[in-house]
Amino acid sequence: MVQDTLEWYAGEIFEGKFNFSYGGFLILSALLFYFLGSTPTAKALNGCGKFQ
């Protein structure tokens, strides 16, 4: 039973690392589209907050 618990724990840690990496990838790609994009959609945040 202890071995099953350790295997479950290792699987949860792997899943957490995978989700964290995927989230970081999404944030990085969103920032790249925002700063390097030239379409109006890529620059949609220019009218908000401190960018006015």
PDB file of N, CA and C in Angstrom:
ATOM      1  N   MET A   1       0.825  -1.201   0.000  1.00  0.00           N
ATOM      2  CA  MET A   1       0.000   0.000   0.000  1.00  0.00           C
ATOM      3  C   MET A   1       0.869   1.266   0.000  1.00  0.00           C
ATOM      4  N   VAL A   2       1.971   1.219   0.730  1.00  0.00           N
ATOM      5  CA  VAL A   2       2.866   2.378   0.754  1.00  0.00           C
ATOM      6  C   VAL A   2       3.465   2.611  -0.625  1.00  0.00           C
ATOM      7  N   GLN A   3       3.802   1.542  -1.325  1.00  0.00           N
ATOM      8  CA  GLN A   3       4.374   1.670  -2.669  1.00  0.00           C
ATOM      9  C   GLN A   3       3.369   2.318  -3.619  1.00  0.00           C
ATOM     10  N   ASP A   4       2.097   1.929  -3.507  1.00  0.00           N
ATOM     11  CA  ASP A   4       1.065   2.545  -4.346  1.00  0.00           C
ATOM     12  C   ASP A   4       0.940   4.037  -4.058  1.00  0.00           C
ATOM     13  N   THR A   5       1.033   4.406  -2.793  1.00  0.00           N
ATOM     14  CA  THR A   5       0.948   5.813  -2.414  1.00  0.00           C
ATOM     15  C   THR A   5       2.117   6.603  -2.982  1.00  0.00           C
ATOM     16  N   LEU A   6       3.323   6.033  -2.931  1.00  0.00           N
ATOM     17  CA  LEU A   6       4.504   6.710  -3.479  1.00  0.00           C
ATOM     18  C   LEU A   6       4.403   6.860  -4.991  1.00  0.00           C
ATOM     19  N   GLU A   7       3.873   5.850  -5.668  1.00  0.00           N
ATOM     20  CA  GLU A   7       3.699   5.949  -7.120  1.00  0.00           C
ATOM     21  C   GLU A   7       2.649   6.999  -7.479  1.00  0.00           C
ATOM     22  N   TRP A   8       1.577   7.050  -6.697  1.00  0.00           N
ATOM     23  CA  TRP A   8       0.552   8.070  -6.919  1.00  0.00           C
ATOM     24  C   TRP A   8       1.152   9.460  -6.718  1.00  0.00           C
ATOM     25  N   TYR A   9       1.939   9.625  -5.660  1.00  0.00           N
ATOM     26  CA  TYR A   9       2.576  10.906  -5.366  1.00  0.00           C
ATOM     27  C   TYR A   9       3.493  11.330  -6.515  1.00  0.00           C
ATOM     28  N   ALA A  10       4.291  10.407  -7.026  1.00  0.00           N
ATOM     29  CA  ALA A  10       5.193  10.721  -8.135  1.00  0.00           C
ATOM     30  C   ALA A  10       4.398  11.143  -9.371  1.00  0.00           C
ATOM     31  N   GLY A  11       3.268  10.485  -9.610  1.00  0.00           N
ATOM     32  CA  GLY A  11       2.422  10.866 -10.743  1.00  0.00           C
ATOM     33  C   GLY A  11       1.835  12.254 -10.584  1.00  0.00           C
ATOM     34  N   GLU A  12       1.444  12.601  -9.368  1.00  0.00           N
ATOM     35  CA  GLU A  12       0.897  13.931  -9.113  1.00  0.00           C
ATOM     36  C   GLU A  12       1.967  15.012  -9.292  1.00  0.00           C
ATOM     37  N   ILE A  13       3.160  14.742  -8.853  1.00  0.00           N
ATOM     38  CA  ILE A  13       4.268  15.697  -9.040  1.00  0.00           C
ATOM     39  C   ILE A  13       4.556  15.882 -10.530  1.00  0.00           C
ATOM     40  N   PHE A  14       4.570  14.797 -11.279  1.00  0.00           N
ATOM     41  CA  PHE A  14       4.781  14.900 -12.727  1.00  0.00           C
ATOM     42  C   PHE A  14       3.683  15.739 -13.373  1.00  0.00           C
ATOM     43  N   GLU A  15       2.452  15.481 -13.008  1.00  0.00           N
ATOM     44  CA  GLU A  15       1.331  16.238 -13.580  1.00  0.00           C
ATOM     45  C   GLU A  15       1.436  17.720 -13.232  1.00  0.00           C
ATOM     46  N   GLY A  16       1.830  18.029 -12.019  1.00  0.00           N
ATOM     47  CA  GLY A  16       1.993  19.419 -11.615  1.00  0.00           C
ATOM     48  C   GLY A  16       3.087  20.115 -12.403  1.00  0.00           C
ATOM     49  N   LYS A  17       4.202  19.432 -12.624  1.00  0.00           N
ATOM     50  CA  LYS A  17       5.291  20.014 -13.417  1.00  0.00           C
ATOM     51  C   LYS A  17       4.857  20.239 -14.863  1.00  0.00           C
ATOM     52  N   PHE A  18       4.113  19.286 -15.392  1.00  0.00           N
ATOM     53  CA  PHE A  18       3.633  19.416 -16.764  1.00  0.00           C
ATOM     54  C   PHE A  18       2.688  20.607 -16.891  1.00  0.00           C
ATOM     55  N   ASN A  19       1.757  20.742 -15.965  1.00  0.00           N
ATOM     56  CA  ASN A  19       0.813  21.860 -16.006  1.00  0.00           C
ATOM     57  C   ASN A  19       1.524  23.199 -15.828  1.00  0.00           C
ATOM     58  N   PHE A  20       2.502  23.256 -14.949  1.00  0.00           N
ATOM     59  CA  PHE A  20       3.276  24.479 -14.741  1.00  0.00           C
ATOM     60  C   PHE A  20       4.032  24.857 -16.010  1.00  0.00           C
ATOM     61  N   SER A  21       4.650  23.868 -16.657  1.00  0.00           N
ATOM     62  CA  SER A  21       5.392  24.134 -17.894  1.00  0.00           C
ATOM     63  C   SER A  21       4.469  24.616 -19.002  1.00  0.00           C
ATOM     64  N   TYR A  22       3.308  24.008 -19.112  1.00  0.00           N
ATOM     65  CA  TYR A  22       2.348  24.406 -20.138  1.00  0.00           C
ATOM     66  C   TYR A  22       1.856  25.841 -19.890  1.00  0.00           C
ATOM     67  N   GLY A  23       1.587  26.179 -18.655  1.00  0.00           N
ATOM     68  CA  GLY A  23       1.168  27.538 -18.323  1.00  0.00           C
ATOM     69  C   GLY A  23       2.247  28.556 -18.654  1.00  0.00           C
ATOM     70  N   GLY A  24       3.488  28.233 -18.339  1.00  0.00           N
ATOM     71  CA  GLY A  24       4.596  29.122 -18.675  1.00  0.00           C
ATOM     72  C   GLY A  24       4.739  29.313 -20.173  1.00  0.00           C
ATOM     73  N   PHE A  25       4.553  28.219 -20.918  1.00  0.00           N
ATOM     74  CA  PHE A  25       4.609  28.310 -22.375  1.00  0.00           C
ATOM     75  C   PHE A  25       3.508  29.223 -22.916  1.00  0.00           C
ATOM     76  N   LEU A  26       2.306  29.113 -22.365  1.00  0.00           N
ATOM     77  CA  LEU A  26       1.204  29.960 -22.822  1.00  0.00           C
ATOM     78  C   LEU A  26       1.466  31.433 -22.525  1.00  0.00           C
ATOM     79  N   ILE A  27       1.984  31.717 -21.344  1.00  0.00           N
ATOM     80  CA  ILE A  27       2.284  33.108 -20.992  1.00  0.00           C
ATOM     81  C   ILE A  27       3.383  33.658 -21.891  1.00  0.00           C
ATOM     82  N   LEU A  28       4.419  32.874 -22.121  1.00  0.00           N
ATOM     83  CA  LEU A  28       5.514  33.319 -22.987  1.00  0.00           C
ATOM     84  C   LEU A  28       5.030  33.575 -24.413  1.00  0.00           C
ATOM     85  N   SER A  29       4.227  32.656 -24.941  1.00  0.00           N
ATOM     86  CA  SER A  29       3.738  32.855 -26.307  1.00  0.00           C
ATOM     87  C   SER A  29       2.795  34.061 -26.386  1.00  0.00           C
ATOM     88  N   ALA A  30       1.985  34.291 -25.355  1.00  0.00           N
ATOM     89  CA  ALA A  30       1.106  35.464 -25.350  1.00  0.00           C
ATOM     90  C   ALA A  30       1.922  36.752 -25.334  1.00  0.00           C
ATOM     91  N   LEU A  31       2.991  36.789 -24.552  1.00  0.00           N
ATOM     92  CA  LEU A  31       3.837  37.980 -24.520  1.00  0.00           C
ATOM     93  C   LEU A  31       4.543  38.209 -25.852  1.00  0.00           C
ATOM     94  N   LEU A  32       4.976  37.128 -26.478  1.00  0.00           N
ATOM     95  CA  LEU A  32       5.606  37.270 -27.795  1.00  0.00           C
ATOM     96  C   LEU A  32       4.621  37.810 -28.824  1.00  0.00           C
ATOM     97  N   PHE A  33       3.400  37.294 -28.832  1.00  0.00           N
ATOM     98  CA  PHE A  33       2.395  37.815 -29.756  1.00  0.00           C
ATOM     99  C   PHE A  33       2.100  39.278 -29.470  1.00  0.00           C
ATOM    100  N   TYR A  34       2.058  39.654 -28.197  1.00  0.00           N
ATOM    101  CA  TYR A  34       1.731  41.037 -27.854  1.00  0.00           C
ATOM    102  C   TYR A  34       2.843  41.993 -28.287  1.00  0.00           C
ATOM    103  N   PHE A  35       4.093  41.657 -27.966  1.00  0.00           N
ATOM    104  CA  PHE A  35       5.190  42.582 -28.253  1.00  0.00           C
ATOM    105  C   PHE A  35       5.677  42.526 -29.698  1.00  0.00           C
ATOM    106  N   LEU A  36       5.549  41.383 -30.339  1.00  0.00           N
ATOM    107  CA  LEU A  36       6.055  41.263 -31.706  1.00  0.00           C
ATOM    108  C   LEU A  36       4.954  41.324 -32.758  1.00  0.00           C
ATOM    109  N   GLY A  37       3.701  41.242 -32.353  1.00  0.00           N
ATOM    110  CA  GLY A  37       2.598  41.239 -33.309  1.00  0.00           C
ATOM    111  C   GLY A  37       2.341  42.613 -33.892  1.00  0.00           C
ATOM    112  N   SER A  38       1.858  42.638 -35.100  1.00  0.00           N
ATOM    113  CA  SER A  38       1.586  43.920 -35.759  1.00  0.00           C
ATOM    114  C   SER A  38       0.108  44.087 -36.114  1.00  0.00           C
ATOM    115  N   THR A  39      -0.717  43.093 -35.842  1.00  0.00           N
ATOM    116  CA  THR A  39      -2.138  43.194 -36.167  1.00  0.00           C
ATOM    117  C   THR A  39      -2.879  43.916 -35.039  1.00  0.00           C
ATOM    118  N   PRO A  40      -4.048  44.466 -35.305  1.00  0.00           N
ATOM    119  CA  PRO A  40      -4.821  45.131 -34.252  1.00  0.00           C
ATOM    120  C   PRO A  40      -5.185  44.186 -33.098  1.00  0.00           C
ATOM    121  N   THR A  41      -5.416  42.926 -33.420  1.00  0.00           N
ATOM    122  CA  THR A  41      -5.745  41.963 -32.376  1.00  0.00           C
ATOM    123  C   THR A  41      -4.561  41.744 -31.444  1.00  0.00           C
ATOM    124  N   ALA A  42      -3.362  41.706 -31.978  1.00  0.00           N
ATOM    125  CA  ALA A  42      -2.170  41.508 -31.155  1.00  0.00           C
ATOM    126  C   ALA A  42      -1.935  42.705 -30.245  1.00  0.00           C
ATOM    127  N   LYS A  43      -2.357  43.877 -30.674  1.00  0.00           N
ATOM    128  CA  LYS A  43      -2.157  45.090 -29.889  1.00  0.00           C
ATOM    129  C   LYS A  43      -3.417  45.534 -29.160  1.00  0.00           C
ATOM    130  N   ALA A  44      -4.330  44.626 -28.892  1.00  0.00           N
ATOM    131  CA  ALA A  44      -5.627  44.963 -28.311  1.00  0.00           C
ATOM    132  C   ALA A  44      -5.520  45.597 -26.929  1.00  0.00           C
ATOM    133  N   LEU A  45      -4.457  45.350 -26.201  1.00  0.00           N
ATOM    134  CA  LEU A  45      -4.313  45.897 -24.856  1.00  0.00           C
ATOM    135  C   LEU A  45      -3.780  47.331 -24.832  1.00  0.00           C
ATOM    136  N   ASN A  46      -3.447  47.880 -25.969  1.00  0.00           N
ATOM    137  CA  ASN A  46      -2.872  49.237 -25.993  1.00  0.00           C
ATOM    138  C   ASN A  46      -3.813  50.301 -25.480  1.00  0.00           C
ATOM    139  N   GLY A  47      -5.117  50.075 -25.496  1.00  0.00           N
ATOM    140  CA  GLY A  47      -6.068  51.063 -25.037  1.00  0.00           C
ATOM    141  C   GLY A  47      -6.430  50.900 -23.561  1.00  0.00           C
ATOM    142  N   CYS A  48      -5.789  49.990 -22.857  1.00  0.00           N
ATOM    143  CA  CYS A  48      -6.154  49.677 -21.477  1.00  0.00           C
ATOM    144  C   CYS A  48      -5.101  50.196 -20.486  1.00  0.00           C
ATOM    145  N   GLY A  49      -5.565  50.674 -19.359  1.00  0.00           N
ATOM    146  CA  GLY A  49      -4.699  50.982 -18.230  1.00  0.00           C
ATOM    147  C   GLY A  49      -3.544  51.907 -18.535  1.00  0.00           C
ATOM    148  N   LYS A  50      -2.338  51.492 -18.164  1.00  0.00           N
ATOM    149  CA  LYS A  50      -1.162  52.344 -18.254  1.00  0.00           C
ATOM    150  C   LYS A  50      -0.700  52.589 -19.688  1.00  0.00           C
ATOM    151  N   PHE A  51      -1.275  51.881 -20.662  1.00  0.00           N
ATOM    152  CA  PHE A  51      -0.851  52.025 -22.041  1.00  0.00           C
ATOM    153  C   PHE A  51      -1.559  53.166 -22.763  1.00  0.00           C
ATOM    154  N   GLN A  52      -2.467  53.845 -22.092  1.00  0.00           N
ATOM    155  CA  GLN A  52      -3.217  54.920 -22.751  1.00  0.00           C
ATOM    156  C   GLN A  52      -2.359  56.133 -22.985  1.00  0.00           C
TER     157      GLN A  52
END
